[in-house]
């Protein structure tokens, strides 16, 4: 029993095995990758614009955690709108 490693005998450890369906490599892991990248770019622009606008009044660079509740709600509602418009248009 000691010579077995996970159900394999030592002679099988270094052997190559054929994987079924490897003709389609590389696998397309995320089919809608381009759409997700475009959507995240739009969302990033919305967040950056909010933070830039608020930074003008605060006189220093802001992060989302430094916004007040009302400004966070505005940021989230704008981000949600971008996501909804993007999903409605395709």
N, C-alpha and C. Protein backbone atom coordinates (compact mmCIF):
# COMPACT_ATOMS: atom_id res chain seq x y z
N UNK A 1 0.81 -1.19 0.00
CA UNK A 1 0.00 0.00 0.00
C UNK A 1 0.86 1.26 0.00
N UNK A 2 2.04 1.22 0.60
CA UNK A 2 2.89 2.40 0.66
C UNK A 2 3.38 2.83 -0.72
N UNK A 3 3.50 1.89 -1.65
CA UNK A 3 4.00 2.25 -2.96
C UNK A 3 2.95 2.95 -3.83
N UNK A 4 1.70 2.96 -3.41
CA UNK A 4 0.66 3.63 -4.16
C UNK A 4 0.57 5.11 -3.75
N UNK A 5 0.46 5.97 -4.75
CA UNK A 5 0.32 7.40 -4.50
C UNK A 5 -1.00 7.82 -5.10
N UNK A 6 -2.00 8.06 -4.26
CA UNK A 6 -3.30 8.49 -4.76
C UNK A 6 -3.91 7.53 -5.75
N UNK A 7 -3.77 6.24 -5.52
CA UNK A 7 -4.34 5.24 -6.41
C UNK A 7 -3.46 4.91 -7.61
N UNK A 8 -2.22 5.45 -7.64
CA UNK A 8 -1.32 5.19 -8.75
C UNK A 8 -0.09 4.44 -8.25
N UNK A 9 0.42 3.58 -9.07
CA UNK A 9 1.67 2.90 -8.72
C UNK A 9 2.81 3.79 -9.19
N UNK A 10 4.01 3.68 -8.64
CA UNK A 10 5.12 4.56 -8.99
C UNK A 10 5.43 4.62 -10.48
N UNK A 11 5.19 3.55 -11.23
CA UNK A 11 5.47 3.56 -12.66
C UNK A 11 4.53 4.50 -13.43
N UNK A 12 3.35 4.75 -12.90
CA UNK A 12 2.37 5.60 -13.57
C UNK A 12 2.54 7.08 -13.27
N UNK A 13 3.34 7.42 -12.27
CA UNK A 13 3.46 8.81 -11.83
C UNK A 13 4.02 9.70 -12.94
N UNK A 14 5.02 9.29 -13.66
CA UNK A 14 5.64 10.12 -14.68
C UNK A 14 5.03 9.98 -16.06
N UNK A 15 4.02 9.16 -16.23
CA UNK A 15 3.43 8.92 -17.54
C UNK A 15 2.54 10.09 -17.97
N UNK A 16 2.57 10.37 -19.27
CA UNK A 16 1.67 11.39 -19.82
C UNK A 16 0.33 10.75 -20.12
N UNK A 17 -0.72 11.51 -19.89
CA UNK A 17 -2.06 11.00 -20.20
C UNK A 17 -2.70 11.92 -21.23
N UNK A 18 -3.55 11.38 -22.04
CA UNK A 18 -4.26 12.17 -23.05
C UNK A 18 -5.52 12.74 -22.42
N UNK A 19 -5.75 14.01 -22.67
CA UNK A 19 -6.95 14.66 -22.16
C UNK A 19 -8.00 14.71 -23.26
N UNK A 20 -9.23 14.36 -22.95
CA UNK A 20 -10.27 14.39 -23.98
C UNK A 20 -10.65 15.84 -24.31
N UNK A 21 -10.89 16.11 -25.57
CA UNK A 21 -11.35 17.42 -26.00
C UNK A 21 -10.30 18.51 -25.97
N UNK A 22 -9.04 18.17 -26.15
CA UNK A 22 -7.99 19.19 -26.11
C UNK A 22 -7.76 19.85 -27.46
N UNK A 23 -8.56 19.51 -28.45
CA UNK A 23 -8.42 20.14 -29.76
C UNK A 23 -8.87 21.60 -29.74
N UNK A 24 -9.71 21.96 -28.80
CA UNK A 24 -10.26 23.30 -28.72
C UNK A 24 -9.44 24.24 -27.84
N UNK A 25 -8.18 23.90 -27.57
CA UNK A 25 -7.36 24.76 -26.72
C UNK A 25 -6.86 25.95 -27.51
N UNK A 26 -6.67 27.11 -26.95
CA UNK A 26 -6.96 27.45 -25.56
C UNK A 26 -8.45 27.58 -25.32
N UNK A 27 -8.85 27.20 -24.13
CA UNK A 27 -10.25 27.26 -23.77
C UNK A 27 -10.70 28.71 -23.62
N UNK A 28 -11.90 28.99 -24.04
CA UNK A 28 -12.45 30.32 -23.86
C UNK A 28 -13.18 30.31 -22.52
N UNK A 29 -12.49 30.80 -21.49
CA UNK A 29 -13.01 30.72 -20.13
C UNK A 29 -14.17 31.69 -19.92
N UNK A 30 -14.03 32.91 -20.41
CA UNK A 30 -15.08 33.92 -20.25
C UNK A 30 -15.50 34.36 -21.66
N UNK A 31 -16.59 33.82 -22.15
CA UNK A 31 -17.00 34.13 -23.52
C UNK A 31 -17.29 35.61 -23.75
N UNK A 32 -17.85 36.28 -22.77
CA UNK A 32 -18.21 37.69 -22.93
C UNK A 32 -17.12 38.62 -22.39
N UNK A 33 -15.87 38.23 -22.54
CA UNK A 33 -14.75 38.99 -21.97
C UNK A 33 -14.71 40.43 -22.47
N UNK A 34 -14.83 40.64 -23.75
CA UNK A 34 -14.75 41.99 -24.31
C UNK A 34 -15.86 42.87 -23.78
N UNK A 35 -17.06 42.33 -23.65
CA UNK A 35 -18.19 43.10 -23.11
C UNK A 35 -17.94 43.47 -21.65
N UNK A 36 -17.38 42.54 -20.89
CA UNK A 36 -17.09 42.82 -19.48
C UNK A 36 -16.00 43.88 -19.33
N UNK A 37 -15.01 43.84 -20.19
CA UNK A 37 -13.94 44.84 -20.15
C UNK A 37 -14.50 46.22 -20.49
N UNK A 38 -15.34 46.29 -21.51
CA UNK A 38 -15.96 47.57 -21.89
C UNK A 38 -16.84 48.11 -20.77
N UNK A 39 -17.61 47.24 -20.16
CA UNK A 39 -18.50 47.65 -19.06
C UNK A 39 -17.70 48.13 -17.86
N UNK A 40 -16.63 47.44 -17.52
CA UNK A 40 -15.83 47.85 -16.38
C UNK A 40 -15.09 49.15 -16.66
N UNK A 41 -14.72 49.39 -17.92
CA UNK A 41 -14.08 50.65 -18.27
C UNK A 41 -15.04 51.82 -18.11
N UNK A 42 -16.28 51.64 -18.55
CA UNK A 42 -17.29 52.68 -18.37
C UNK A 42 -17.55 52.94 -16.89
N UNK A 43 -17.63 51.88 -16.13
CA UNK A 43 -17.88 52.02 -14.70
C UNK A 43 -16.72 52.72 -14.00
N UNK A 44 -15.52 52.40 -14.40
CA UNK A 44 -14.33 53.05 -13.83
C UNK A 44 -14.34 54.54 -14.14
N UNK A 45 -14.75 54.91 -15.34
CA UNK A 45 -14.83 56.32 -15.70
C UNK A 45 -15.84 57.06 -14.83
N UNK A 46 -16.97 56.43 -14.56
CA UNK A 46 -17.99 57.06 -13.70
C UNK A 46 -17.43 57.29 -12.30
N UNK A 47 -16.77 56.28 -11.75
CA UNK A 47 -16.20 56.41 -10.41
C UNK A 47 -15.12 57.48 -10.39
N UNK A 48 -14.24 57.48 -11.39
CA UNK A 48 -13.18 58.49 -11.46
C UNK A 48 -13.74 59.90 -11.56
N UNK A 49 -14.78 60.08 -12.36
CA UNK A 49 -15.39 61.41 -12.50
C UNK A 49 -15.99 61.88 -11.19
N UNK A 50 -16.66 60.98 -10.47
CA UNK A 50 -17.22 61.35 -9.17
C UNK A 50 -16.12 61.78 -8.21
N UNK A 51 -15.07 60.99 -8.14
CA UNK A 51 -13.99 61.29 -7.21
C UNK A 51 -13.24 62.56 -7.61
N UNK A 52 -13.03 62.77 -8.91
CA UNK A 52 -12.38 63.99 -9.36
C UNK A 52 -13.21 65.22 -9.02
N UNK A 53 -14.51 65.13 -9.24
CA UNK A 53 -15.41 66.24 -8.96
C UNK A 53 -15.39 66.59 -7.47
N UNK A 54 -15.46 65.56 -6.62
CA UNK A 54 -15.44 65.80 -5.19
C UNK A 54 -14.08 66.27 -4.70
N UNK A 55 -13.02 65.84 -5.35
CA UNK A 55 -11.67 66.24 -4.96
C UNK A 55 -11.44 67.74 -5.18
N UNK A 56 -12.13 68.31 -6.17
CA UNK A 56 -12.01 69.75 -6.41
C UNK A 56 -12.42 70.52 -5.17
N UNK A 57 -13.49 70.10 -4.53
CA UNK A 57 -14.00 70.81 -3.35
C UNK A 57 -13.25 70.46 -2.08
N UNK A 58 -12.73 69.26 -2.00
CA UNK A 58 -12.02 68.83 -0.80
C UNK A 58 -10.54 69.24 -0.83
N UNK A 59 -10.04 69.55 -2.00
CA UNK A 59 -8.66 69.96 -2.22
C UNK A 59 -7.64 68.84 -1.97
N UNK A 60 -8.07 67.60 -2.01
CA UNK A 60 -7.15 66.46 -1.96
C UNK A 60 -7.81 65.28 -2.67
N UNK A 61 -7.00 64.34 -3.02
CA UNK A 61 -7.49 63.18 -3.75
C UNK A 61 -8.34 62.31 -2.83
N UNK A 62 -9.48 61.87 -3.32
CA UNK A 62 -10.41 61.08 -2.52
C UNK A 62 -10.46 59.63 -3.00
N UNK A 63 -10.85 58.77 -2.08
CA UNK A 63 -11.19 57.40 -2.44
C UNK A 63 -12.68 57.22 -2.14
N UNK A 64 -13.33 56.19 -2.68
CA UNK A 64 -14.77 56.02 -2.43
C UNK A 64 -15.13 55.94 -0.94
N UNK A 65 -14.24 55.42 -0.12
CA UNK A 65 -14.55 55.28 1.31
C UNK A 65 -14.58 56.63 2.03
N UNK A 66 -14.01 57.67 1.43
CA UNK A 66 -13.97 58.98 2.07
C UNK A 66 -15.16 59.86 1.70
N UNK A 67 -16.05 59.37 0.85
CA UNK A 67 -17.23 60.14 0.48
C UNK A 67 -18.29 60.06 1.58
N UNK A 68 -19.09 61.10 1.70
CA UNK A 68 -20.20 61.06 2.66
C UNK A 68 -21.28 60.13 2.12
N UNK A 69 -22.27 59.83 2.95
CA UNK A 69 -23.30 58.86 2.56
C UNK A 69 -24.07 59.31 1.31
N UNK A 70 -24.38 60.59 1.24
CA UNK A 70 -25.13 61.10 0.09
C UNK A 70 -24.31 60.95 -1.19
N UNK A 71 -23.04 61.29 -1.13
CA UNK A 71 -22.18 61.18 -2.31
C UNK A 71 -21.96 59.72 -2.69
N UNK A 72 -21.87 58.83 -1.69
CA UNK A 72 -21.75 57.40 -2.01
C UNK A 72 -23.01 56.90 -2.70
N UNK A 73 -24.18 57.36 -2.22
CA UNK A 73 -25.44 56.96 -2.85
C UNK A 73 -25.51 57.45 -4.29
N UNK A 74 -25.05 58.68 -4.53
CA UNK A 74 -25.02 59.21 -5.89
C UNK A 74 -24.09 58.39 -6.77
N UNK A 75 -22.95 58.04 -6.24
CA UNK A 75 -21.97 57.24 -6.99
C UNK A 75 -22.56 55.88 -7.33
N UNK A 76 -23.19 55.24 -6.36
CA UNK A 76 -23.76 53.91 -6.59
C UNK A 76 -24.91 53.96 -7.58
N UNK A 77 -25.76 54.98 -7.47
CA UNK A 77 -26.88 55.08 -8.40
C UNK A 77 -26.39 55.33 -9.83
N UNK A 78 -25.35 56.16 -9.98
CA UNK A 78 -24.79 56.38 -11.31
C UNK A 78 -24.14 55.12 -11.86
N UNK A 79 -23.44 54.39 -11.01
CA UNK A 79 -22.81 53.15 -11.43
C UNK A 79 -23.87 52.12 -11.84
N UNK A 80 -24.95 52.05 -11.07
CA UNK A 80 -26.05 51.13 -11.39
C UNK A 80 -26.67 51.49 -12.73
N UNK A 81 -26.85 52.79 -12.97
CA UNK A 81 -27.42 53.25 -14.24
C UNK A 81 -26.54 52.83 -15.41
N UNK A 82 -25.22 53.01 -15.26
CA UNK A 82 -24.31 52.60 -16.32
C UNK A 82 -24.44 51.10 -16.59
N UNK A 83 -24.52 50.31 -15.54
CA UNK A 83 -24.64 48.87 -15.71
C UNK A 83 -25.96 48.50 -16.39
N UNK A 84 -27.05 49.17 -16.00
CA UNK A 84 -28.35 48.87 -16.60
C UNK A 84 -28.40 49.28 -18.06
N UNK A 85 -27.85 50.46 -18.38
CA UNK A 85 -27.83 50.90 -19.78
C UNK A 85 -26.99 49.97 -20.63
N UNK A 86 -25.89 49.53 -20.07
CA UNK A 86 -24.99 48.63 -20.82
C UNK A 86 -25.66 47.29 -21.08
N UNK A 87 -26.37 46.76 -20.08
CA UNK A 87 -27.02 45.45 -20.27
C UNK A 87 -28.23 45.57 -21.17
N UNK A 88 -28.88 46.74 -21.22
CA UNK A 88 -30.04 46.92 -22.09
C UNK A 88 -29.64 47.06 -23.56
N UNK A 89 -28.46 47.63 -23.79
CA UNK A 89 -28.03 47.83 -25.16
C UNK A 89 -27.27 46.65 -25.74
N UNK A 90 -26.97 45.70 -24.90
CA UNK A 90 -26.30 44.51 -25.44
C UNK A 90 -25.06 44.27 -24.75
